[in-house]
């Protein structure tokens, strides 16, 4: 390592966010960046660990010490080559990954100042695009075999990219009008500018991958038996990367009221509006001049908060049925180097939000078919004497939270799959249930290797 004592002399420095009063008026990316000198200093903090737990924690097995050292020494091109040896799309993870590697970093255990791996990989990738280190591969030798990838989310894109570089002719079928999956239709622009996705898709197209949009073949349920898959008869293998399309619902009285929506209905529509799509007034979902209630305490709920602010809401409340996480940085129930289940405050939370935990939702209330409020109940969780899931018990009296817009952000149901022919493979959230983008990408790469092993035996 270039400076083995840097972690003793240099403190962790994050780029931080744009000021709240500035960022809530647009959908531009909220995160800032450090200058080149400061970024190299941050990379120098990466220690020459005897056991680099960051490798273990990252689903992709990213070699953070290696590319951080190259970055510190100023060899940005080498840093990018090392980074992309394990991570096909570091411009995505560099913006939206929760950085499992940083939670496992030895420096996190030492003084809770882990190396800024996520920001470093984003800076490395942007430099690579800016300096022209990234060019379409034109020397790919085709092996004569074809693979169909159904779904253009992070898992499908990772699988398609890997197989294309192996020499397969890859066609990606996507039900939406553009590629990206939840990267495009779930994550707000203020976290991931969609031009970043477009840039990568253009590169993949230049390298020979074909994308078919608005494709009816994206729904795997049409192919749920051992039929001949006639629509894919020209392909030697098929990869299903269709994600988790079914959101978890809340079937309580008043669910039919206007103003109650799944979170992705709001998020996807807003992203489409920013892309230039227009919607009739009666179909437009907006938080403008409304009191908003978000049910669900995860990242999707946080994205709804930030979107509501930018749409001009009056107020935002977020409720969660589970207990409040412990105040970080340590989690006694989930010790280092595992990812800590501690209280997370996002940039959206900083913009203004009432947050409550141990709240159960009882009923949606309305007038003339429109939502006016939500009746909720404070609860407690008690140990189950028979073991297993804790028992929910009521606490206090029910109350009403005023709301003209309620967004359900309670996760997604894991898809169930029938038995497929041996040349059909499932990856990403479609196989494992809803998880992180980085895990979806890792699954896509693993599935690509499985497809290659299968087809090389044919």
Protein backbone atom coordinates (compact mmCIF):
# COMPACT_ATOMS: atom_id res chain seq x y z
CA UNK A 1 0.00 0.00 0.00
CA UNK A 2 1.18 3.50 -0.78
CA UNK A 3 0.68 4.97 2.70
CA UNK A 4 0.10 2.31 5.36
CA UNK A 5 -0.30 4.95 8.10
CA UNK A 6 -2.85 7.14 6.35
CA UNK A 7 -5.73 5.78 8.43
CA UNK A 8 -3.99 7.19 11.51
CA UNK A 9 -3.50 10.65 10.03
CA UNK A 10 -6.51 11.25 7.81
CA UNK A 11 -10.12 11.18 8.95
CA UNK A 12 -13.01 9.89 6.87
CA UNK A 13 -14.46 12.67 4.74
CA UNK A 14 -17.73 12.22 2.90
CA UNK A 15 -18.75 14.44 0.00
CA UNK A 16 -22.11 15.13 1.64
CA UNK A 17 -25.32 16.43 0.11
CA UNK A 18 -26.41 19.63 -1.53
CA UNK A 19 -28.10 22.05 0.90
CA UNK A 20 -31.70 21.09 1.72
CA UNK A 21 -33.12 24.47 0.69
CA UNK A 22 -31.54 23.99 -2.74
CA UNK A 23 -32.11 20.31 -3.50
CA UNK A 24 -35.79 19.98 -2.59
CA UNK A 25 -36.72 22.22 -5.54
CA UNK A 26 -35.39 19.85 -8.22
CA UNK A 27 -34.74 16.19 -8.97
CA UNK A 28 -31.01 16.58 -9.55
CA UNK A 29 -28.70 14.20 -7.70
CA UNK A 30 -28.40 15.26 -4.07
CA UNK A 31 -24.94 13.81 -3.47
CA UNK A 32 -21.88 15.94 -4.09
CA UNK A 33 -18.32 14.81 -4.85
CA UNK A 34 -14.85 15.54 -3.55
CA UNK A 35 -12.08 17.04 -5.64
CA UNK A 36 -9.34 14.78 -6.99
CA UNK A 37 -6.85 15.51 -4.20
CA UNK A 38 -9.36 14.81 -1.43
CA UNK A 39 -10.59 11.67 -3.16
CA UNK A 40 -7.07 10.28 -3.41
CA UNK A 41 -6.50 11.04 0.27
CA UNK A 42 -9.64 9.13 1.16
CA UNK A 43 -8.47 6.16 -0.92
CA UNK A 44 -5.13 6.24 0.94
CA UNK A 45 -6.96 5.41 4.19
CA UNK A 46 -7.60 1.87 2.98
CA UNK A 47 -5.35 -0.31 5.14
CA UNK A 48 -3.18 -3.23 4.12
CA UNK A 49 -5.47 -5.53 6.13
CA UNK A 50 -4.37 -9.04 6.90
CA UNK A 51 -7.98 -10.13 6.34
CA UNK A 52 -9.89 -7.64 4.14
CA UNK A 53 -13.46 -8.18 5.33
CA UNK A 54 -14.72 -5.87 2.58
CA UNK A 55 -14.11 -8.72 0.10
CA UNK A 56 -16.26 -11.01 2.22
CA UNK A 57 -19.07 -8.53 2.78
CA UNK A 58 -19.50 -7.43 -0.84
CA UNK A 59 -21.80 -9.77 -2.80
CA UNK A 60 -19.65 -9.06 -5.87
CA UNK A 61 -16.39 -9.68 -4.03
CA UNK A 62 -15.06 -6.23 -4.94
CA UNK A 63 -11.33 -5.82 -4.36
CA UNK A 64 -11.51 -2.49 -2.58
CA UNK A 65 -7.92 -2.48 -1.22
CA UNK A 66 -6.49 -3.03 -4.70
CA UNK A 67 -8.41 -0.31 -6.52
CA UNK A 68 -8.19 2.11 -3.61
CA UNK A 69 -4.40 1.76 -3.71
CA UNK A 70 -4.37 2.42 -7.47
CA UNK A 71 -6.59 5.46 -6.95
CA UNK A 72 -4.32 6.83 -4.23
CA UNK A 73 -1.31 6.47 -6.53
CA UNK A 74 -3.15 8.33 -9.29
CA UNK A 75 -3.55 5.39 -11.68
CA UNK A 76 -7.25 5.89 -12.38
CA UNK A 77 -7.28 3.53 -15.35
CA UNK A 78 -5.81 0.66 -13.34
CA UNK A 79 -8.28 1.43 -10.55
CA UNK A 80 -11.14 1.13 -13.04
CA UNK A 81 -9.81 -2.16 -14.48
CA UNK A 82 -9.53 -3.63 -10.99
CA UNK A 83 -12.97 -2.36 -10.04
CA UNK A 84 -14.71 -3.77 -13.12
CA UNK A 85 -12.97 -7.13 -12.79
CA UNK A 86 -15.71 -7.91 -10.26
CA UNK A 87 -18.32 -5.15 -10.69
CA UNK A 88 -19.89 -4.68 -14.15
CA UNK A 89 -21.73 -1.44 -13.31
CA UNK A 90 -19.87 0.51 -10.59
CA UNK A 91 -21.61 3.73 -11.66
CA UNK A 92 -24.83 2.25 -10.21
CA UNK A 93 -23.47 0.78 -6.98
CA UNK A 94 -21.29 3.86 -6.49
CA UNK A 95 -24.49 5.87 -6.11
CA UNK A 96 -27.07 3.63 -4.46
CA UNK A 97 -25.32 0.73 -2.72
CA UNK A 98 -25.63 0.68 1.10
CA UNK A 99 -21.92 -0.20 1.09
CA UNK A 100 -21.86 -3.51 2.92
CA UNK A 101 -18.09 -3.39 2.46
CA UNK A 102 -17.83 -0.22 4.55
CA UNK A 103 -19.74 -1.76 7.44
CA UNK A 104 -17.31 -4.68 7.39
CA UNK A 105 -14.24 -2.44 7.02
CA UNK A 106 -11.66 -2.95 9.77
CA UNK A 107 -11.58 0.82 10.21
CA UNK A 108 -15.28 0.73 11.03
CA UNK A 109 -14.43 -1.53 13.93
CA UNK A 110 -11.40 0.54 14.86
CA UNK A 111 -12.98 4.02 15.00
CA UNK A 112 -16.21 3.92 12.98
CA UNK A 113 -14.53 5.75 10.11
CA UNK A 114 -14.44 3.16 7.31
CA UNK A 115 -12.87 3.84 3.95
CA UNK A 116 -15.23 5.68 1.56
CA UNK A 117 -15.42 2.73 -0.83
CA UNK A 118 -18.79 3.61 -2.38
CA UNK A 119 -17.86 7.20 -3.16
CA UNK A 120 -14.43 6.09 -4.38
CA UNK A 121 -15.86 3.61 -6.88
CA UNK A 122 -18.26 6.23 -8.22
CA UNK A 123 -15.39 8.70 -8.67
CA UNK A 124 -13.25 6.06 -10.38
CA UNK A 125 -16.00 5.19 -12.85
CA UNK A 126 -16.87 8.78 -13.70
CA UNK A 127 -13.19 9.47 -14.32
CA UNK A 128 -13.03 6.40 -16.58
CA UNK A 129 -15.93 7.65 -18.69
CA UNK A 130 -14.58 11.19 -18.70
CA UNK A 131 -11.04 10.18 -19.73
CA UNK A 132 -12.16 7.70 -22.37
CA UNK A 133 -10.92 4.56 -20.61
CA UNK A 134 -14.30 3.00 -21.36
CA UNK A 135 -14.79 2.10 -25.00
CA UNK A 136 -17.06 -0.51 -26.65
CA UNK A 137 -15.43 -3.90 -27.08
CA UNK A 138 -15.22 -4.66 -30.80
CA UNK A 139 -13.08 -7.80 -30.54
CA UNK A 140 -15.72 -10.14 -29.13
CA UNK A 141 -15.61 -13.52 -30.89
CA UNK A 142 -19.08 -15.01 -31.28
CA UNK A 143 -19.62 -18.68 -30.49
CA UNK A 144 -22.81 -19.08 -32.51
CA UNK A 145 -25.14 -19.56 -29.53
CA UNK A 146 -27.99 -17.28 -28.52
CA UNK A 147 -29.35 -16.36 -25.10
CA UNK A 148 -32.57 -14.51 -24.25
CA UNK A 149 -32.69 -12.42 -21.09
CA UNK A 150 -36.19 -11.50 -19.94
CA UNK A 151 -36.01 -8.38 -17.82
CA UNK A 152 -33.61 -5.44 -18.09
CA UNK A 153 -33.12 -4.72 -14.39
CA UNK A 154 -29.71 -4.94 -12.68
CA UNK A 155 -29.71 -8.76 -12.61
CA UNK A 156 -30.71 -9.12 -16.25
CA UNK A 157 -28.26 -6.44 -17.38
CA UNK A 158 -25.41 -8.06 -15.45
CA UNK A 159 -26.17 -11.48 -16.93
CA UNK A 160 -26.55 -10.08 -20.44
CA UNK A 161 -23.31 -8.13 -20.22
CA UNK A 162 -21.32 -11.11 -18.96
CA UNK A 163 -22.68 -13.54 -21.55
CA UNK A 164 -22.14 -11.06 -24.35
CA UNK A 165 -18.48 -10.70 -23.42
CA UNK A 166 -18.23 -14.52 -23.39
CA UNK A 167 -19.26 -14.55 -27.04
CA UNK A 168 -22.97 -15.33 -26.87
CA UNK A 169 -25.47 -13.38 -28.95
CA UNK A 170 -27.74 -11.85 -26.34
CA UNK A 171 -31.22 -10.37 -26.73
CA UNK A 172 -32.85 -8.61 -23.78
CA UNK A 173 -36.66 -8.45 -23.62
CA UNK A 174 -38.11 -5.72 -21.41
CA UNK A 175 -41.80 -5.03 -20.69
CA UNK A 176 -41.22 -1.31 -20.11
CA UNK A 177 -40.23 1.37 -22.60
CA UNK A 178 -36.62 1.53 -21.42
CA UNK A 179 -34.02 -0.56 -19.61
CA UNK A 180 -33.07 -0.38 -15.96
CA UNK A 181 -35.87 -2.04 -14.00
CA UNK A 182 -36.04 -0.56 -10.52
CA UNK A 183 -32.93 1.47 -11.31
CA UNK A 184 -35.07 3.47 -13.72
CA UNK A 185 -38.61 3.11 -12.38
CA UNK A 186 -38.09 2.70 -8.65
CA UNK A 187 -35.10 4.81 -7.65
CA UNK A 188 -35.70 8.58 -7.87
CA UNK A 189 -33.57 10.76 -10.10
CA UNK A 190 -32.23 12.61 -7.08
CA UNK A 191 -30.36 9.43 -6.18
CA UNK A 192 -29.61 8.12 -9.67
CA UNK A 193 -29.81 10.32 -12.74
CA UNK A 194 -31.26 8.24 -15.55
CA UNK A 195 -28.65 9.55 -18.00
CA UNK A 196 -26.24 7.27 -16.10
CA UNK A 197 -28.34 4.25 -17.11
CA UNK A 198 -28.70 5.45 -20.71
CA UNK A 199 -24.93 5.83 -21.00
CA UNK A 200 -24.38 2.21 -19.97
CA UNK A 201 -27.14 0.84 -22.23
CA UNK A 202 -25.63 2.63 -25.24
CA UNK A 203 -22.31 0.97 -24.46
CA UNK A 204 -23.93 -2.47 -24.21
CA UNK A 205 -25.75 -1.92 -27.49
CA UNK A 206 -22.48 -0.88 -29.14
CA UNK A 207 -21.00 -4.16 -27.94
CA UNK A 208 -23.72 -6.16 -29.66
CA UNK A 209 -26.54 -6.68 -27.15
CA UNK A 210 -30.02 -6.21 -28.62
CA UNK A 211 -32.78 -4.68 -26.51
CA UNK A 212 -36.46 -5.26 -27.29
CA UNK A 213 -38.71 -2.90 -25.33
CA UNK A 214 -42.46 -2.97 -24.69
CA UNK A 215 -42.14 -6.72 -25.07
CA UNK A 216 -45.04 -8.92 -24.04
CA UNK A 217 -42.57 -11.74 -23.44
CA UNK A 218 -41.34 -10.18 -20.21
CA UNK A 219 -44.00 -11.98 -18.15
CA UNK A 220 -42.61 -15.42 -17.30
CA UNK A 221 -46.05 -16.64 -16.17
CA UNK A 222 -46.96 -17.19 -19.81
CA UNK A 223 -44.30 -19.89 -19.91
CA UNK A 224 -45.07 -21.74 -16.71
CA UNK A 225 -45.04 -25.26 -18.08
CA UNK A 226 -42.60 -27.46 -19.95
CA UNK A 227 -43.78 -26.29 -23.35
CA UNK A 228 -41.49 -25.70 -26.27
CA UNK A 229 -41.22 -21.97 -25.50
CA UNK A 230 -42.02 -21.33 -29.16
CA UNK A 231 -41.43 -17.60 -28.85
CA UNK A 232 -37.84 -18.36 -27.83
CA UNK A 233 -37.20 -21.32 -30.11
CA UNK A 234 -34.21 -19.55 -31.64
CA UNK A 235 -32.45 -19.29 -28.28
CA UNK A 236 -30.22 -21.89 -26.70
CA UNK A 237 -30.94 -20.64 -23.19
CA UNK A 238 -33.36 -18.28 -21.45
CA UNK A 239 -32.75 -16.21 -18.32
CA UNK A 240 -35.70 -14.95 -16.30
CA UNK A 241 -34.73 -11.73 -14.54
CA UNK A 242 -38.21 -10.34 -14.00
CA UNK A 243 -37.72 -9.07 -10.46
CA UNK A 244 -40.45 -9.02 -7.83
CA UNK A 245 -43.41 -7.38 -9.58
CA UNK A 246 -45.98 -7.90 -6.81
CA UNK A 247 -45.89 -5.35 -3.99
CA UNK A 248 -47.09 -6.33 -0.53
CA UNK A 249 -50.60 -4.94 -0.10
CA UNK A 250 -52.53 -3.76 2.96
CA UNK A 251 -56.04 -5.18 2.71
CA UNK A 252 -57.84 -3.21 5.39
CA UNK A 253 -61.11 -1.22 5.22
CA UNK A 254 -60.89 1.76 2.88
CA UNK A 255 -58.17 0.32 0.63
CA UNK A 256 -60.23 1.31 -2.44
CA UNK A 257 -60.20 5.03 -1.62
CA UNK A 258 -58.59 7.40 -4.08
CA UNK A 259 -55.29 8.54 -2.67
CA UNK A 260 -54.03 5.12 -1.52
CA UNK A 261 -51.25 3.89 -3.79
CA UNK A 262 -48.35 1.51 -3.91
CA UNK A 263 -45.06 3.36 -3.55
CA UNK A 264 -43.87 2.36 -7.01
CA UNK A 265 -46.98 3.85 -8.59
CA UNK A 266 -45.77 7.25 -7.41
CA UNK A 267 -42.06 6.69 -8.00
CA UNK A 268 -42.35 5.15 -11.46
CA UNK A 269 -44.80 7.78 -12.65
CA UNK A 270 -42.64 10.64 -11.39
CA UNK A 271 -39.59 9.23 -13.16
CA UNK A 272 -41.59 8.91 -16.36
CA UNK A 273 -42.79 12.49 -16.04
CA UNK A 274 -39.18 13.63 -15.73
CA UNK A 275 -38.40 11.63 -18.87
CA UNK A 276 -41.02 13.62 -20.77
CA UNK A 277 -44.08 11.40 -20.51
CA UNK A 278 -47.45 13.08 -19.91
CA UNK A 279 -50.36 11.73 -17.86
CA UNK A 280 -54.01 12.82 -17.74
CA UNK A 281 -54.86 14.90 -14.69
CA UNK A 282 -57.05 12.17 -13.19
CA UNK A 283 -54.18 9.65 -13.46
CA UNK A 284 -51.47 11.90 -12.06
CA UNK A 285 -50.29 10.91 -8.58
CA UNK A 286 -48.95 13.93 -6.76
CA UNK A 287 -48.27 15.04 -3.21
CA UNK A 288 -48.68 18.73 -4.00
CA UNK A 289 -50.42 20.58 -1.14
CA UNK A 290 -51.23 17.29 0.61
CA UNK A 291 -50.47 15.67 3.92
CA UNK A 292 -48.68 12.46 3.03
CA UNK A 293 -48.42 9.22 5.00
CA UNK A 294 -45.80 6.64 4.04
CA UNK A 295 -46.35 3.13 5.43
CA UNK A 296 -43.04 1.28 5.54
CA UNK A 297 -39.71 2.29 7.03
CA UNK A 298 -37.28 1.10 4.35
CA UNK A 299 -35.46 2.71 1.45
CA UNK A 300 -38.52 2.75 -0.79
CA UNK A 301 -40.43 4.65 1.88
CA UNK A 302 -37.53 7.09 2.12
CA UNK A 303 -37.65 7.61 -1.66
CA UNK A 304 -41.34 8.45 -1.35
CA UNK A 305 -40.52 11.09 1.27
CA UNK A 306 -37.98 12.81 -0.96
CA UNK A 307 -40.34 12.67 -3.94
CA UNK A 308 -43.23 14.10 -1.90
CA UNK A 309 -41.09 17.06 -0.85
CA UNK A 310 -40.13 17.81 -4.44
CA UNK A 311 -43.76 17.63 -5.51
CA UNK A 312 -44.68 20.27 -2.93
CA UNK A 313 -46.35 18.34 -0.09
CA UNK A 314 -47.62 20.02 3.08
CA UNK A 315 -46.19 17.37 5.42
CA UNK A 316 -44.84 13.82 5.44
CA UNK A 317 -45.21 11.15 8.12
CA UNK A 318 -43.54 7.75 7.90
CA UNK A 319 -44.73 4.86 10.06
CA UNK A 320 -43.24 1.42 10.56
CA UNK A 321 -44.81 -1.58 12.29
CA UNK A 322 -41.47 -2.85 13.61
CA UNK A 323 -39.60 -1.35 16.61
CA UNK A 324 -37.23 1.57 16.21
CA UNK A 325 -33.73 0.33 15.29
CA UNK A 326 -30.96 0.90 17.79
CA UNK A 327 -28.95 4.10 17.66
CA UNK A 328 -25.73 3.31 15.81
CA UNK A 329 -23.07 2.76 14.98
CA UNK A 330 -23.02 -0.64 16.71
CA UNK A 331 -25.76 -3.26 16.80
CA UNK A 332 -25.48 -5.69 19.73
CA UNK A 333 -27.81 -8.15 18.01
CA UNK A 334 -25.84 -8.12 14.77
CA UNK A 335 -22.17 -7.47 15.58
CA UNK A 336 -19.33 -6.54 13.24
CA UNK A 337 -18.47 -7.46 10.55
CA UNK A 338 -22.12 -8.10 9.66
CA UNK A 339 -24.22 -5.20 8.40
CA UNK A 340 -25.64 -3.40 11.47
CA UNK A 341 -29.40 -3.00 11.84
CA UNK A 342 -29.14 0.51 13.18
CA UNK A 343 -31.22 3.64 12.72
CA UNK A 344 -30.73 5.01 9.23
CA UNK A 345 -31.34 8.66 8.43
CA UNK A 346 -31.35 9.33 4.68
CA UNK A 347 -31.06 12.57 2.76
CA UNK A 348 -34.84 12.46 2.34
CA UNK A 349 -35.38 12.19 6.09
CA UNK A 350 -33.15 15.23 6.57
CA UNK A 351 -35.50 17.21 4.33
CA UNK A 352 -38.28 16.93 6.88
CA UNK A 353 -40.33 13.98 8.08
CA UNK A 354 -42.15 12.73 11.18
CA UNK A 355 -40.96 9.18 11.82
CA UNK A 356 -42.77 6.71 14.08
CA UNK A 357 -42.24 3.05 14.91
CA UNK A 358 -44.42 0.29 16.44
CA UNK A 359 -47.45 1.59 14.55
CA UNK A 360 -50.07 -0.77 13.10
CA UNK A 361 -52.45 0.48 10.39
CA UNK A 362 -56.13 -0.31 11.00
CA UNK A 363 -58.26 1.56 8.46
CA UNK A 364 -58.19 4.10 5.63
CA UNK A 365 -60.73 6.86 6.19
CA UNK A 366 -62.31 9.01 3.51
CA UNK A 367 -65.06 11.26 2.28
CA UNK A 368 -66.72 11.11 -1.15
CA UNK A 369 -64.39 8.29 -2.17
CA UNK A 370 -61.19 10.17 -1.33
CA UNK A 371 -58.71 9.55 1.44
CA UNK A 372 -58.78 11.97 4.36
CA UNK A 373 -56.91 10.08 7.06
CA UNK A 374 -55.60 6.76 8.34
CA UNK A 375 -56.56 5.17 11.65
CA UNK A 376 -53.55 3.62 13.35
CA UNK A 377 -52.73 1.89 16.62
CA UNK A 378 -49.54 2.01 18.65
CA UNK A 379 -48.38 -1.51 19.47
CA UNK A 380 -45.69 -3.44 21.32
CA UNK A 381 -43.91 -6.69 20.52
CA UNK A 382 -43.68 -9.35 23.21
CA UNK A 383 -41.67 -12.57 23.14
CA UNK A 384 -43.59 -15.59 21.94
CA UNK A 385 -43.64 -18.23 24.70
CA UNK A 386 -43.70 -20.91 22.02
CA UNK A 387 -40.79 -19.37 20.17
CA UNK A 388 -40.87 -17.94 16.68
CA UNK A 389 -42.34 -14.58 15.65
CA UNK A 390 -42.96 -12.15 18.56
CA UNK A 391 -46.57 -11.41 19.48
CA UNK A 392 -48.03 -8.01 18.61
CA UNK A 393 -50.07 -6.42 21.40
CA UNK A 394 -52.02 -3.15 21.42
CA UNK A 395 -50.72 -0.17 23.35
CA UNK A 396 -52.71 2.99 23.98
CA UNK A 397 -55.73 4.08 21.97
CA UNK A 398 -56.18 4.21 18.19
CA UNK A 399 -55.60 7.59 16.57
CA UNK A 400 -56.08 9.17 13.15
CA UNK A 401 -53.23 10.54 11.06
CA UNK A 402 -54.46 13.13 8.59
CA UNK A 403 -53.51 12.24 5.03
CA UNK A 404 -54.78 12.91 1.52
CA UNK A 405 -52.11 10.65 0.02
CA UNK A 406 -50.98 7.33 1.48
CA UNK A 407 -48.10 5.35 -0.04
CA UNK A 408 -47.62 1.65 0.69
CA UNK A 409 -43.91 0.84 0.86
CA UNK A 410 -43.98 -2.50 2.64
CA UNK A 411 -41.80 -4.56 0.34
CA UNK A 412 -42.54 -7.15 -2.31
CA UNK A 413 -43.68 -10.76 -2.45
CA UNK A 414 -41.16 -13.36 -3.56
CA UNK A 415 -42.31 -14.88 -6.87
CA UNK A 416 -43.20 -18.54 -7.06
CA UNK A 417 -41.90 -20.47 -10.04
CA UNK A 418 -43.01 -23.68 -11.69
CA UNK A 419 -40.59 -26.27 -12.96
CA UNK A 420 -38.86 -24.98 -16.08
CA UNK A 421 -36.97 -26.79 -18.83
CA UNK A 422 -33.28 -27.26 -18.12
CA UNK A 423 -32.27 -24.41 -20.43
CA UNK A 424 -34.28 -21.85 -18.42
CA UNK A 425 -32.52 -20.06 -15.55
CA UNK A 426 -33.88 -17.63 -12.93
CA UNK A 427 -31.79 -14.90 -11.33
CA UNK A 428 -31.91 -11.76 -9.21
CA UNK A 429 -34.97 -10.83 -7.21
CA UNK A 430 -37.06 -13.21 -9.31
CA UNK A 431 -35.09 -16.07 -7.76
CA UNK A 432 -34.24 -14.74 -4.32
CA UNK A 433 -36.92 -12.20 -3.45
CA UNK A 434 -36.50 -8.45 -3.10
CA UNK A 435 -32.99 -7.45 -2.09
CA UNK A 436 -30.19 -5.04 -2.94
CA UNK A 437 -29.12 -3.95 -6.41
CA UNK A 438 -25.61 -5.25 -5.71
CA UNK A 439 -27.01 -8.69 -4.81
CA UNK A 440 -29.11 -8.73 -7.98
CA UNK A 441 -26.01 -7.96 -10.04
CA UNK A 442 -24.06 -10.71 -8.26
CA UNK A 443 -26.88 -13.16 -8.99
CA UNK A 444 -26.86 -12.11 -12.65
CA UNK A 445 -23.14 -12.82 -12.93
CA UNK A 446 -23.50 -16.17 -11.18
CA UNK A 447 -26.35 -17.15 -13.50
CA UNK A 448 -24.30 -16.15 -16.55
CA UNK A 449 -21.62 -18.57 -15.41
CA UNK A 450 -24.24 -21.30 -14.98
CA UNK A 451 -25.59 -20.68 -18.47
CA UNK A 452 -22.09 -20.81 -19.91
CA UNK A 453 -21.35 -24.09 -18.12
CA UNK A 454 -24.60 -25.56 -19.41
CA UNK A 455 -24.14 -24.45 -23.01
CA UNK A 456 -20.51 -25.49 -23.25
CA UNK A 457 -21.66 -29.06 -22.60
CA UNK A 458 -24.24 -28.98 -25.38
